[in-house]
Structures are given as C-alpha cells and as structure tokens.
Amino acid sequence: MTYWDPIPTTRALVGRPHPLWGGDVMRHDWSGPAPDGWADRDWRNVPGPFYTANTDTCLTGRQCAPRQVAYEDECCSEFVYRQPVRAVEVHELTCAAECDPLGAYGGDGDAHWTPELVQGWWRERGRVREWALRVGYGEWATSEHESRREAAAGARAYLAHLDRGLGPYLRDYVFWLAEGRPAASGERLPELRP
C-alpha cells in the first residue's frame, strides 16, 4: 500500500455533477477547513485530511458514507473513522459532507497533522477503542431505535478498521507528511510507536 492523496479528487468534483447524485452539481470544495475549525474537531476523527467539527445530529453521514463515517453516542454527531483511499470513497465522503446541514466537514487536515501528532494519536488509540467497544457492543447494539443500532454498527466498523487497516494507512500517511510524497515501492515506512 502507498498513500493516495484524496484532495485532488475532491477538488475535481467542484462545479461538476456529483457521481452519486444523478446530475446535481457539487458546489462546495470540501478540501478547506471545517467552519468551526481544526481546534473543534471531534477527538474520534482518525488522522488524515478529512475531519468533522460540530456536525449536525441528523444521522445522515452513514447513509452516504458508511465506510468512512460513524456517529458519537451523545448527540449522534458525525466523525471520520476511515479516510478515503480511492475515488469512490471520496464521492461517498463528500456526499456525507454535503448532506450535513451545518457543513461541518473539513479537508485541510494535512495542514495540521504532523508525524508527531499522528504518533501521539496512535499511542492514545486505547481511548477510541474503549469508546467503540462500549457503543458497538453495549445497549445501543440491541436498542429498539434503528438510529442507535446504526451508531453501534459504525462503532464496530471503527474497531475493525483500528485492528486491520488503520495502522498500515497511518504508516503511509506519516511518510506522506514527513516527505511530501507517497513512499516508493520498497521504501521503508516509519513504524508506529506503541
């Protein structure tokens, strides 16, 4: 795996028919900062270019992007648990951003994350794991409310990503941040410190 930059694909959608909308044009460039800014981002957002800060609570994000978006369990605000690694996932995530009435998605994470901050997030991932276990397998998993069951499903998807795909992604992302380019084939990637 080598890091794939989703920002050019995001910018290329602006002013064109969105692939998931049957002809409707995407007018917003989701590669910029979230309206509430980087400092207010949800702590559950994984490192990468995309994040959320104070989204609505309408539970629309997973309708568009179940492979990238999950809901927190207090107000059901959205956050990015998996960064897009191919064009179709950018389409899904920008759809989720467009459906958020507050437009509280941002795509300027690369301007804020550093290799050290990513390493720090990785060392503290136990906090995310604890949250995801509680929501994914707690009372919300069997709730009579479909929205809570969907939030639990998102938490379980986050756990699976934490266990299988996030570590390799972050190693590539740390290289991207440090070197300003994707790693070449066979090039050594930085280790994630426990």
N, C-alpha and C. Protein backbone atom coordinates (compact mmCIF):
# COMPACT_ATOMS: atom_id res chain seq x y z
N MET A 1 0.85 -1.18 0.00
CA MET A 1 0.00 0.00 0.00
C MET A 1 0.89 1.23 0.00
N THR A 2 0.48 2.25 -0.70
CA THR A 2 1.16 3.54 -0.67
C THR A 2 0.09 4.62 -0.53
N TYR A 3 0.43 5.71 0.09
CA TYR A 3 -0.55 6.75 0.37
C TYR A 3 -1.12 7.31 -0.93
N TRP A 4 -2.43 7.45 -0.96
CA TRP A 4 -3.13 8.07 -2.07
C TRP A 4 -3.76 9.36 -1.57
N ASP A 5 -3.44 10.47 -2.21
CA ASP A 5 -3.94 11.78 -1.80
C ASP A 5 -5.35 12.00 -2.36
N PRO A 6 -6.36 12.09 -1.48
CA PRO A 6 -7.73 12.26 -1.96
C PRO A 6 -8.11 13.70 -2.32
N ILE A 7 -7.26 14.65 -2.00
CA ILE A 7 -7.63 16.06 -2.19
C ILE A 7 -7.79 16.44 -3.66
N PRO A 8 -6.92 16.02 -4.59
CA PRO A 8 -7.18 16.36 -6.00
C PRO A 8 -8.53 15.85 -6.50
N THR A 9 -8.93 14.66 -6.08
CA THR A 9 -10.23 14.12 -6.48
C THR A 9 -11.35 14.97 -5.90
N THR A 10 -11.18 15.41 -4.66
CA THR A 10 -12.18 16.26 -4.01
C THR A 10 -12.34 17.57 -4.77
N ARG A 11 -11.24 18.20 -5.08
CA ARG A 11 -11.29 19.49 -5.78
C ARG A 11 -11.86 19.35 -7.18
N ALA A 12 -11.59 18.21 -7.83
CA ALA A 12 -12.07 17.99 -9.20
C ALA A 12 -13.60 17.86 -9.26
N LEU A 13 -14.23 17.55 -8.14
CA LEU A 13 -15.70 17.41 -8.11
C LEU A 13 -16.42 18.75 -8.14
N VAL A 14 -15.75 19.80 -7.70
CA VAL A 14 -16.41 21.11 -7.57
C VAL A 14 -16.86 21.62 -8.94
N GLY A 15 -18.14 21.98 -8.99
CA GLY A 15 -18.70 22.53 -10.23
C GLY A 15 -19.09 21.48 -11.25
N ARG A 16 -19.00 20.23 -10.86
CA ARG A 16 -19.36 19.13 -11.77
C ARG A 16 -20.48 18.30 -11.16
N PRO A 17 -21.17 17.54 -11.99
CA PRO A 17 -22.19 16.63 -11.43
C PRO A 17 -21.53 15.62 -10.50
N HIS A 18 -22.08 15.51 -9.31
CA HIS A 18 -21.54 14.55 -8.35
C HIS A 18 -21.91 13.14 -8.81
N PRO A 19 -20.94 12.21 -8.82
CA PRO A 19 -21.22 10.87 -9.33
C PRO A 19 -22.34 10.12 -8.61
N LEU A 20 -22.66 10.50 -7.38
CA LEU A 20 -23.69 9.78 -6.62
C LEU A 20 -25.05 10.47 -6.65
N TRP A 21 -25.16 11.61 -7.32
CA TRP A 21 -26.39 12.39 -7.24
C TRP A 21 -27.21 12.44 -8.50
N GLY A 22 -26.86 11.74 -9.51
CA GLY A 22 -27.66 11.74 -10.73
C GLY A 22 -27.77 13.09 -11.41
N GLY A 23 -26.68 13.83 -11.48
CA GLY A 23 -26.67 15.08 -12.23
C GLY A 23 -26.55 16.34 -11.42
N ASP A 24 -26.86 16.32 -10.13
CA ASP A 24 -26.74 17.54 -9.32
C ASP A 24 -25.26 17.91 -9.16
N VAL A 25 -25.00 19.20 -9.27
CA VAL A 25 -23.63 19.71 -9.25
C VAL A 25 -23.17 19.93 -7.81
N MET A 26 -21.94 19.54 -7.53
CA MET A 26 -21.35 19.83 -6.21
C MET A 26 -20.74 21.23 -6.26
N ARG A 27 -21.18 22.07 -5.36
CA ARG A 27 -20.75 23.47 -5.39
C ARG A 27 -19.67 23.80 -4.36
N HIS A 28 -19.53 22.98 -3.34
CA HIS A 28 -18.60 23.29 -2.26
C HIS A 28 -17.29 22.50 -2.42
N ASP A 29 -16.18 23.16 -2.14
CA ASP A 29 -14.87 22.50 -2.14
C ASP A 29 -14.59 22.01 -0.72
N TRP A 30 -14.68 20.70 -0.51
CA TRP A 30 -14.52 20.12 0.82
C TRP A 30 -13.07 19.91 1.21
N SER A 31 -12.14 20.50 0.47
CA SER A 31 -10.73 20.38 0.84
C SER A 31 -10.28 21.49 1.79
N GLY A 32 -11.16 22.42 2.10
CA GLY A 32 -10.82 23.52 3.00
C GLY A 32 -11.13 23.19 4.45
N PRO A 33 -10.99 24.18 5.33
CA PRO A 33 -11.24 23.94 6.76
C PRO A 33 -12.72 23.79 7.08
N ALA A 34 -13.00 23.06 8.15
CA ALA A 34 -14.37 22.98 8.67
C ALA A 34 -14.75 24.35 9.22
N PRO A 35 -16.02 24.74 9.16
CA PRO A 35 -16.43 26.06 9.64
C PRO A 35 -16.01 26.35 11.09
N ASP A 36 -16.12 25.36 11.96
CA ASP A 36 -15.73 25.56 13.35
C ASP A 36 -14.24 25.37 13.57
N GLY A 37 -13.55 24.96 12.54
CA GLY A 37 -12.09 24.88 12.59
C GLY A 37 -11.53 23.59 13.15
N TRP A 38 -10.26 23.45 12.92
CA TRP A 38 -9.48 22.28 13.34
C TRP A 38 -9.52 22.07 14.84
N ALA A 39 -9.46 23.15 15.60
CA ALA A 39 -9.38 23.04 17.07
C ALA A 39 -10.63 22.40 17.66
N ASP A 40 -11.78 22.49 16.98
CA ASP A 40 -13.02 21.92 17.50
C ASP A 40 -13.35 20.55 16.91
N ARG A 41 -12.41 19.93 16.24
CA ARG A 41 -12.70 18.63 15.62
C ARG A 41 -13.00 17.59 16.70
N ASP A 42 -13.81 16.61 16.33
CA ASP A 42 -14.14 15.51 17.23
C ASP A 42 -12.89 14.66 17.44
N TRP A 43 -12.61 14.28 18.68
CA TRP A 43 -11.38 13.54 19.00
C TRP A 43 -11.36 12.15 18.38
N ARG A 44 -12.51 11.67 17.93
CA ARG A 44 -12.56 10.33 17.33
C ARG A 44 -12.16 10.33 15.86
N ASN A 45 -12.07 11.49 15.22
CA ASN A 45 -11.61 11.55 13.83
C ASN A 45 -10.23 10.93 13.73
N VAL A 46 -10.03 10.05 12.74
CA VAL A 46 -8.71 9.46 12.54
C VAL A 46 -7.81 10.46 11.82
N PRO A 47 -6.51 10.36 12.00
CA PRO A 47 -5.60 11.26 11.28
C PRO A 47 -5.78 11.12 9.77
N GLY A 48 -5.66 12.23 9.10
CA GLY A 48 -5.79 12.29 7.64
C GLY A 48 -6.35 13.63 7.24
N PRO A 49 -6.57 13.83 5.96
CA PRO A 49 -7.02 15.14 5.51
C PRO A 49 -8.43 15.51 5.94
N PHE A 50 -9.34 14.54 6.08
CA PHE A 50 -10.73 14.84 6.38
C PHE A 50 -11.04 14.68 7.87
N TYR A 51 -11.93 15.55 8.35
CA TYR A 51 -12.36 15.52 9.75
C TYR A 51 -13.69 16.26 9.86
N THR A 52 -14.30 16.15 11.02
CA THR A 52 -15.53 16.91 11.29
C THR A 52 -15.34 17.70 12.57
N ALA A 53 -16.10 18.79 12.66
CA ALA A 53 -16.11 19.63 13.85
C ALA A 53 -17.52 20.14 14.06
N ASN A 54 -18.21 19.59 15.05
CA ASN A 54 -19.56 20.05 15.42
C ASN A 54 -20.57 19.88 14.29
N THR A 55 -20.73 18.66 13.82
CA THR A 55 -21.73 18.40 12.79
C THR A 55 -23.12 18.43 13.39
N ASP A 56 -24.10 18.31 12.52
CA ASP A 56 -25.49 18.21 12.97
C ASP A 56 -25.71 16.85 13.62
N THR A 57 -26.94 16.61 14.01
CA THR A 57 -27.28 15.32 14.63
C THR A 57 -28.40 14.63 13.85
N CYS A 58 -28.41 14.83 12.55
CA CYS A 58 -29.49 14.29 11.71
C CYS A 58 -29.23 12.85 11.25
N LEU A 59 -28.09 12.29 11.58
CA LEU A 59 -27.77 10.90 11.24
C LEU A 59 -27.80 10.64 9.73
N THR A 60 -27.21 11.55 8.98
CA THR A 60 -27.20 11.37 7.52
C THR A 60 -25.87 10.85 7.00
N GLY A 61 -24.80 11.02 7.72
CA GLY A 61 -23.46 10.69 7.22
C GLY A 61 -23.29 9.25 6.80
N ARG A 62 -23.78 8.32 7.59
CA ARG A 62 -23.61 6.90 7.27
C ARG A 62 -24.52 6.46 6.12
N GLN A 63 -25.55 7.25 5.82
CA GLN A 63 -26.36 6.93 4.65
C GLN A 63 -25.55 7.09 3.37
N CYS A 64 -24.65 8.06 3.37
CA CYS A 64 -23.80 8.31 2.20
C CYS A 64 -22.47 7.55 2.29
N ALA A 65 -21.89 7.51 3.47
CA ALA A 65 -20.50 7.03 3.62
C ALA A 65 -20.34 6.08 4.81
N PRO A 66 -20.99 4.92 4.79
CA PRO A 66 -20.85 4.02 5.93
C PRO A 66 -19.43 3.48 6.11
N ARG A 67 -18.62 3.52 5.05
CA ARG A 67 -17.24 3.04 5.15
C ARG A 67 -16.29 4.10 5.71
N GLN A 68 -16.78 5.33 5.90
CA GLN A 68 -15.92 6.40 6.39
C GLN A 68 -16.46 7.13 7.62
N VAL A 69 -17.76 7.13 7.82
CA VAL A 69 -18.39 7.97 8.85
C VAL A 69 -19.02 7.11 9.94
N ALA A 70 -18.87 7.57 11.16
CA ALA A 70 -19.55 6.96 12.31
C ALA A 70 -20.17 8.08 13.13
N TYR A 71 -21.00 7.70 14.12
CA TYR A 71 -21.67 8.67 14.97
C TYR A 71 -21.21 8.52 16.41
N GLU A 72 -21.02 9.65 17.08
CA GLU A 72 -20.74 9.58 18.51
C GLU A 72 -22.04 9.32 19.24
N ASP A 73 -21.96 8.94 20.50
CA ASP A 73 -23.14 8.42 21.20
C ASP A 73 -23.84 9.42 22.13
N GLU A 74 -23.44 10.66 22.13
CA GLU A 74 -24.13 11.64 22.97
C GLU A 74 -25.20 12.36 22.18
N CYS A 75 -24.81 12.96 21.06
CA CYS A 75 -25.75 13.70 20.22
C CYS A 75 -25.86 13.10 18.82
N CYS A 76 -25.09 12.06 18.56
CA CYS A 76 -25.03 11.41 17.25
C CYS A 76 -24.40 12.31 16.19
N SER A 77 -23.48 13.17 16.61
CA SER A 77 -22.70 13.94 15.65
C SER A 77 -21.80 12.99 14.86
N GLU A 78 -21.40 13.41 13.68
CA GLU A 78 -20.61 12.57 12.79
C GLU A 78 -19.12 12.81 12.96
N PHE A 79 -18.33 11.79 12.64
CA PHE A 79 -16.88 11.94 12.57
C PHE A 79 -16.34 10.95 11.54
N VAL A 80 -15.12 11.19 11.09
CA VAL A 80 -14.48 10.36 10.06
C VAL A 80 -13.63 9.30 10.75
N TYR A 81 -14.05 8.03 10.61
CA TYR A 81 -13.29 6.95 11.23
C TYR A 81 -12.37 6.25 10.24
N ARG A 82 -12.54 6.53 8.96
CA ARG A 82 -11.68 5.93 7.94
C ARG A 82 -11.52 6.92 6.81
N GLN A 83 -10.29 7.25 6.47
CA GLN A 83 -10.02 8.19 5.39
C GLN A 83 -10.21 7.51 4.04
N PRO A 84 -10.67 8.25 3.03
CA PRO A 84 -10.84 7.65 1.71
C PRO A 84 -9.50 7.27 1.07
N VAL A 85 -9.48 6.12 0.42
CA VAL A 85 -8.25 5.66 -0.23
C VAL A 85 -8.46 5.40 -1.73
N ARG A 86 -9.63 5.78 -2.24
CA ARG A 86 -9.90 5.69 -3.67
C ARG A 86 -11.04 6.65 -4.00
N ALA A 87 -11.22 6.92 -5.28
CA ALA A 87 -12.15 7.96 -5.72
C ALA A 87 -13.58 7.72 -5.23
N VAL A 88 -14.08 6.50 -5.32
CA VAL A 88 -15.46 6.25 -4.91
C VAL A 88 -15.67 6.60 -3.44
N GLU A 89 -14.66 6.43 -2.61
CA GLU A 89 -14.79 6.78 -1.19
C GLU A 89 -14.78 8.30 -1.00
N VAL A 90 -14.06 9.02 -1.84
CA VAL A 90 -14.14 10.49 -1.82
C VAL A 90 -15.56 10.91 -2.19
N HIS A 91 -16.14 10.26 -3.20
CA HIS A 91 -17.51 10.59 -3.59
C HIS A 91 -18.46 10.38 -2.42
N GLU A 92 -18.30 9.27 -1.72
CA GLU A 92 -19.18 8.98 -0.58
C GLU A 92 -18.99 10.00 0.54
N LEU A 93 -17.74 10.32 0.86
CA LEU A 93 -17.48 11.25 1.96
C LEU A 93 -17.95 12.66 1.62
N THR A 94 -17.75 13.11 0.39
CA THR A 94 -18.24 14.45 0.02
C THR A 94 -19.77 14.49 0.00
N CYS A 95 -20.39 13.36 -0.31
CA CYS A 95 -21.86 13.28 -0.22
C CYS A 95 -22.29 13.48 1.24
N ALA A 96 -21.60 12.80 2.16
CA ALA A 96 -21.91 12.96 3.59
C ALA A 96 -21.72 14.41 4.03
N ALA A 97 -20.65 15.03 3.55
CA ALA A 97 -20.38 16.43 3.90
C ALA A 97 -21.49 17.34 3.37
N GLU A 98 -21.89 17.12 2.13
CA GLU A 98 -22.95 17.93 1.53
C GLU A 98 -24.28 17.76 2.26
N CYS A 99 -24.54 16.56 2.79
CA CYS A 99 -25.82 16.29 3.47
C CYS A 99 -25.85 16.83 4.90
N ASP A 100 -24.70 17.20 5.44
CA ASP A 100 -24.66 17.75 6.79
C ASP A 100 -25.17 19.20 6.74
N PRO A 101 -26.31 19.51 7.37
CA PRO A 101 -26.85 20.86 7.29
C PRO A 101 -25.90 21.95 7.78
N LEU A 102 -24.98 21.60 8.66
CA LEU A 102 -24.04 22.60 9.18
C LEU A 102 -22.77 22.68 8.34
N GLY A 103 -22.61 21.77 7.38
CA GLY A 103 -21.41 21.79 6.55
C GLY A 103 -20.15 21.69 7.37
N ALA A 104 -20.17 20.88 8.42
CA ALA A 104 -19.09 20.87 9.42
C ALA A 104 -17.97 19.89 9.11
N TYR A 105 -17.75 19.62 7.85
CA TYR A 105 -16.63 18.77 7.43
C TYR A 105 -15.48 19.66 6.97
N GLY A 106 -14.27 19.17 7.16
CA GLY A 106 -13.09 19.86 6.68
C GLY A 106 -12.17 18.89 5.97
N GLY A 107 -11.34 19.42 5.08
CA GLY A 107 -10.40 18.59 4.33
C GLY A 107 -8.99 19.14 4.35
N ASP A 108 -8.69 20.00 5.34
CA ASP A 108 -7.34 20.59 5.42
C ASP A 108 -6.50 19.96 6.52
N GLY A 109 -6.80 18.71 6.87
CA GLY A 109 -6.05 18.04 7.94
C GLY A 109 -4.56 17.95 7.68
N ASP A 110 -4.16 17.85 6.41
CA ASP A 110 -2.73 17.75 6.10
C ASP A 110 -1.97 18.99 6.56
N ALA A 111 -2.65 20.12 6.65
CA ALA A 111 -2.01 21.36 7.10
C ALA A 111 -1.82 21.38 8.62
N HIS A 112 -2.45 20.43 9.33
CA HIS A 112 -2.39 20.43 10.79
C HIS A 112 -1.68 19.21 11.37
N TRP A 113 -1.91 18.04 10.78
CA TRP A 113 -1.25 16.84 11.29
C TRP A 113 0.24 16.91 11.02
N THR A 114 1.01 16.43 11.97
CA THR A 114 2.45 16.25 11.80
C THR A 114 2.74 14.79 12.12
N PRO A 115 3.90 14.29 11.72
CA PRO A 115 4.24 12.91 12.10
C PRO A 115 4.14 12.69 13.61
N GLU A 116 4.54 13.68 14.39
CA GLU A 116 4.50 13.55 15.85
C GLU A 116 3.07 13.50 16.38
N LEU A 117 2.18 14.32 15.81
CA LEU A 117 0.78 14.30 16.24
C LEU A 117 0.10 12.98 15.87
N VAL A 118 0.42 12.44 14.70
CA VAL A 118 -0.14 11.15 14.30
C VAL A 118 0.35 10.06 15.25
N GLN A 119 1.64 10.08 15.57
CA GLN A 119 2.19 9.10 16.52
C GLN A 119 1.50 9.22 17.88
N GLY A 120 1.26 10.44 18.31
CA GLY A 120 0.57 10.66 19.58
C GLY A 120 -0.85 10.13 19.55
N TRP A 121 -1.56 10.38 18.44
CA TRP A 121 -2.92 9.85 18.30
C TRP A 121 -2.89 8.32 18.38
N TRP A 122 -1.94 7.71 17.70
CA TRP A 122 -1.83 6.25 17.69
C TRP A 122 -1.56 5.71 19.10
N ARG A 123 -0.70 6.38 19.85
CA ARG A 123 -0.40 5.93 21.22
C ARG A 123 -1.64 6.02 22.11
N GLU A 124 -2.53 6.96 21.83
CA GLU A 124 -3.73 7.16 22.64
C GLU A 124 -4.96 6.45 22.07
N ARG A 125 -4.78 5.59 21.08
CA ARG A 125 -5.92 4.95 20.42
C ARG A 125 -6.75 4.09 21.36
N GLY A 126 -6.21 3.72 22.52
CA GLY A 126 -6.98 2.95 23.50
C GLY A 126 -8.24 3.68 23.92
N ARG A 127 -8.20 5.00 23.93
CA ARG A 127 -9.39 5.79 24.26
C ARG A 127 -10.50 5.57 23.23
N VAL A 128 -10.11 5.55 21.95
CA VAL A 128 -11.07 5.30 20.88
C VAL A 128 -11.60 3.87 20.99
N ARG A 129 -10.70 2.92 21.23
CA ARG A 129 -11.09 1.51 21.35
C ARG A 129 -12.12 1.33 22.48
N GLU A 130 -11.84 1.94 23.60
CA GLU A 130 -12.74 1.84 24.74
C GLU A 130 -14.13 2.39 24.40
N TRP A 131 -14.14 3.55 23.75
CA TRP A 131 -15.41 4.14 23.34
C TRP A 131 -16.14 3.22 22.36
N ALA A 132 -15.44 2.75 21.33
CA ALA A 132 -16.06 1.92 20.29
C ALA A 132 -16.58 0.60 20.84
N LEU A 133 -15.87 0.00 21.77
CA LEU A 133 -16.34 -1.23 22.40
C LEU A 133 -17.64 -0.99 23.17
N ARG A 134 -17.66 0.11 23.93
CA ARG A 134 -18.84 0.43 24.73
C ARG A 134 -20.06 0.67 23.85
N VAL A 135 -19.88 1.45 22.77
CA VAL A 135 -21.01 1.77 21.90
C VAL A 135 -21.36 0.60 20.98
N GLY A 136 -20.34 -0.04 20.42
CA GLY A 136 -20.58 -1.10 19.44
C GLY A 136 -21.17 -2.36 20.00
N TYR A 137 -20.88 -2.63 21.28
CA TYR A 137 -21.36 -3.88 21.88
C TYR A 137 -22.20 -3.66 23.13
N GLY A 138 -22.51 -2.41 23.43
CA GLY A 138 -23.33 -2.09 24.60
C GLY A 138 -24.80 -2.08 24.26
N GLU A 139 -25.54 -1.34 25.04
CA GLU A 139 -27.00 -1.33 24.90
C GLU A 139 -27.48 -0.78 23.56
N TRP A 140 -26.67 0.06 22.91
CA TRP A 140 -27.09 0.60 21.62
C TRP A 140 -27.13 -0.49 20.55
N ALA A 141 -26.33 -1.52 20.70
CA ALA A 141 -26.28 -2.59 19.70
C ALA A 141 -27.62 -3.33 19.60
N THR A 142 -28.38 -3.33 20.68
CA THR A 142 -29.66 -4.05 20.68
C THR A 142 -30.84 -3.11 20.94
N SER A 143 -30.62 -1.82 20.77
CA SER A 143 -31.66 -0.83 21.02
C SER A 143 -32.86 -1.04 20.09
N GLU A 144 -34.02 -0.62 20.54
CA GLU A 144 -35.21 -0.66 19.69
C GLU A 144 -35.17 0.45 18.64
N HIS A 145 -34.27 1.43 18.82
CA HIS A 145 -34.14 2.55 17.89
C HIS A 145 -33.11 2.21 16.82
N GLU A 146 -33.56 2.23 15.58
CA GLU A 146 -32.68 1.90 14.46
C GLU A 146 -31.45 2.81 14.40
N SER A 147 -31.63 4.10 14.72
CA SER A 147 -30.51 5.03 14.67
C SER A 147 -29.40 4.64 15.66
N ARG A 148 -29.78 4.15 16.82
CA ARG A 148 -28.77 3.72 17.79
C ARG A 148 -28.09 2.44 17.33
N ARG A 149 -28.84 1.53 16.73
CA ARG A 149 -28.22 0.32 16.20
C ARG A 149 -27.24 0.66 15.07
N GLU A 150 -27.59 1.66 14.26
CA GLU A 150 -26.69 2.10 13.18
C GLU A 150 -25.44 2.75 13.76
N ALA A 151 -25.59 3.52 14.83
CA ALA A 151 -24.42 4.10 15.50
C ALA A 151 -23.53 3.00 16.06
N ALA A 152 -24.13 1.96 16.61
CA ALA A 152 -23.36 0.82 17.13
C ALA A 152 -22.63 0.11 15.99
N ALA A 153 -23.28 -0.02 14.84
CA ALA A 153 -22.64 -0.65 13.68
C ALA A 153 -21.42 0.16 13.24
N GLY A 154 -21.54 1.48 13.27
CA GLY A 154 -20.41 2.33 12.93
C GLY A 154 -19.25 2.17 13.91
N ALA A 155 -19.57 2.03 15.17
CA ALA A 155 -18.52 1.83 16.19
C ALA A 155 -17.82 0.48 15.96
N ARG A 156 -18.57 -0.55 15.60
CA ARG A 156 -17.95 -1.85 15.31
C ARG A 156 -17.08 -1.79 14.06
N ALA A 157 -17.54 -1.04 13.05
CA ALA A 157 -16.72 -0.86 11.84
C ALA A 157 -15.42 -0.12 12.17
N TYR A 158 -15.51 0.84 13.07
CA TYR A 158 -14.32 1.57 13.51
C TYR A 158 -13.35 0.61 14.19
N LEU A 159 -13.85 -0.24 15.07
CA LEU A 159 -12.99 -1.24 15.73
C LEU A 159 -12.29 -2.12 14.72
N ALA A 160 -13.02 -2.60 13.73
CA ALA A 160 -12.42 -3.45 12.71
C ALA A 160 -11.33 -2.71 11.96
N HIS A 161 -11.56 -1.44 11.65
CA HIS A 161 -10.55 -0.64 10.95
C HIS A 161 -9.33 -0.41 11.84
N LEU A 162 -9.55 -0.16 13.10
CA LEU A 162 -8.45 0.01 14.05
C LEU A 162 -7.57 -1.24 14.08
N ASP A 163 -8.20 -2.40 14.02
CA ASP A 163 -7.47 -3.67 14.13
C ASP A 163 -6.81 -4.10 12.83
N ARG A 164 -7.35 -3.69 11.68
CA ARG A 164 -6.85 -4.25 10.43
C ARG A 164 -6.24 -3.25 9.45
N GLY A 165 -6.82 -2.10 9.27
CA GLY A 165 -6.36 -1.23 8.20
C GLY A 165 -5.74 0.08 8.61
N LEU A 166 -6.05 0.54 9.80
CA LEU A 166 -5.61 1.88 10.19
C LEU A 166 -4.11 1.99 10.39
N GLY A 167 -3.50 1.01 11.02
CA GLY A 167 -2.05 1.06 11.24
C GLY A 167 -1.26 1.21 9.95
N PRO A 168 -1.46 0.34 8.95
CA PRO A 168 -0.75 0.50 7.68
C PRO A 168 -1.04 1.84 7.00
N TYR A 169 -2.30 2.27 7.06
CA TYR A 169 -2.64 3.58 6.48
C TYR A 169 -1.83 4.69 7.14
N LEU A 170 -1.77 4.67 8.48
CA LEU A 170 -1.08 5.73 9.20
C LEU A 170 0.43 5.72 8.94
N ARG A 171 1.01 4.55 8.76
CA ARG A 171 2.44 4.49 8.41
C ARG A 171 2.68 5.20 7.08
N ASP A 172 1.81 4.94 6.09
CA ASP A 172 1.90 5.63 4.80
C ASP A 172 1.65 7.13 4.96
N TYR A 173 0.69 7.47 5.80
CA TYR A 173 0.35 8.88 5.99
C TYR A 173 1.49 9.64 6.68
N VAL A 174 2.12 9.03 7.67
CA VAL A 174 3.26 9.66 8.33
C VAL A 174 4.38 9.90 7.32
N PHE A 175 4.64 8.94 6.45
CA PHE A 175 5.66 9.13 5.41
C PHE A 175 5.27 10.31 4.52
N TRP A 176 4.00 10.35 4.10
CA TRP A 176 3.49 11.44 3.25
C TRP A 176 3.71 12.80 3.92
N LEU A 177 3.38 12.88 5.21
CA LEU A 177 3.55 14.14 5.93
C LEU A 177 5.02 14.54 6.04
N ALA A 178 5.87 13.55 6.32
CA ALA A 178 7.30 13.84 6.52
C ALA A 178 8.01 14.18 5.21
N GLU A 179 7.66 13.47 4.15
CA GLU A 179 8.40 13.59 2.88
C GLU A 179 7.70 14.42 1.81
N GLY A 180 6.39 14.65 1.99
CA GLY A 180 5.64 15.41 1.00
C GLY A 180 5.35 14.63 -0.27
N ARG A 181 5.44 13.32 -0.19
CA ARG A 181 5.18 12.45 -1.35
C ARG A 181 4.85 11.05 -0.85
N PRO A 182 4.21 10.23 -1.69
CA PRO A 182 3.97 8.85 -1.29
C PRO A 182 5.29 8.07 -1.30
N ALA A 183 5.35 7.03 -0.51
CA ALA A 183 6.54 6.18 -0.50
C ALA A 183 6.65 5.42 -1.81
N ALA A 184 7.85 5.26 -2.30
CA ALA A 184 8.10 4.45 -3.49
C ALA A 184 8.08 2.98 -3.10
N SER A 185 7.86 2.13 -4.06
CA SER A 185 7.85 0.69 -3.81
C SER A 185 9.15 0.26 -3.15
N GLY A 186 9.02 -0.46 -2.05
CA GLY A 186 10.19 -0.96 -1.33
C GLY A 186 10.81 0.04 -0.35
N GLU A 187 10.33 1.26 -0.36
CA GLU A 187 10.88 2.27 0.55
C GLU A 187 10.37 2.00 1.97
N ARG A 188 11.25 2.15 2.93
CA ARG A 188 10.91 1.86 4.32
C ARG A 188 9.95 2.91 4.88
N LEU A 189 8.89 2.42 5.52
CA LEU A 189 7.91 3.30 6.15
C LEU A 189 8.21 3.45 7.62
N PRO A 190 7.85 4.57 8.21
CA PRO A 190 8.07 4.74 9.66
C PRO A 190 7.21 3.77 10.46
N GLU A 191 7.73 3.32 11.57
CA GLU A 191 6.98 2.47 12.49
C GLU A 191 6.07 3.34 13.35
N LEU A 192 4.95 2.78 13.74
CA LEU A 192 4.08 3.44 14.71
C LEU A 192 4.50 3.00 16.10
N ARG A 193 4.80 3.94 16.95
CA ARG A 193 5.26 3.60 18.30
C ARG A 193 4.08 3.28 19.20
N PRO A 194 4.18 2.19 19.97
CA PRO A 194 3.08 1.83 20.87
C PRO A 194 2.87 2.83 21.99
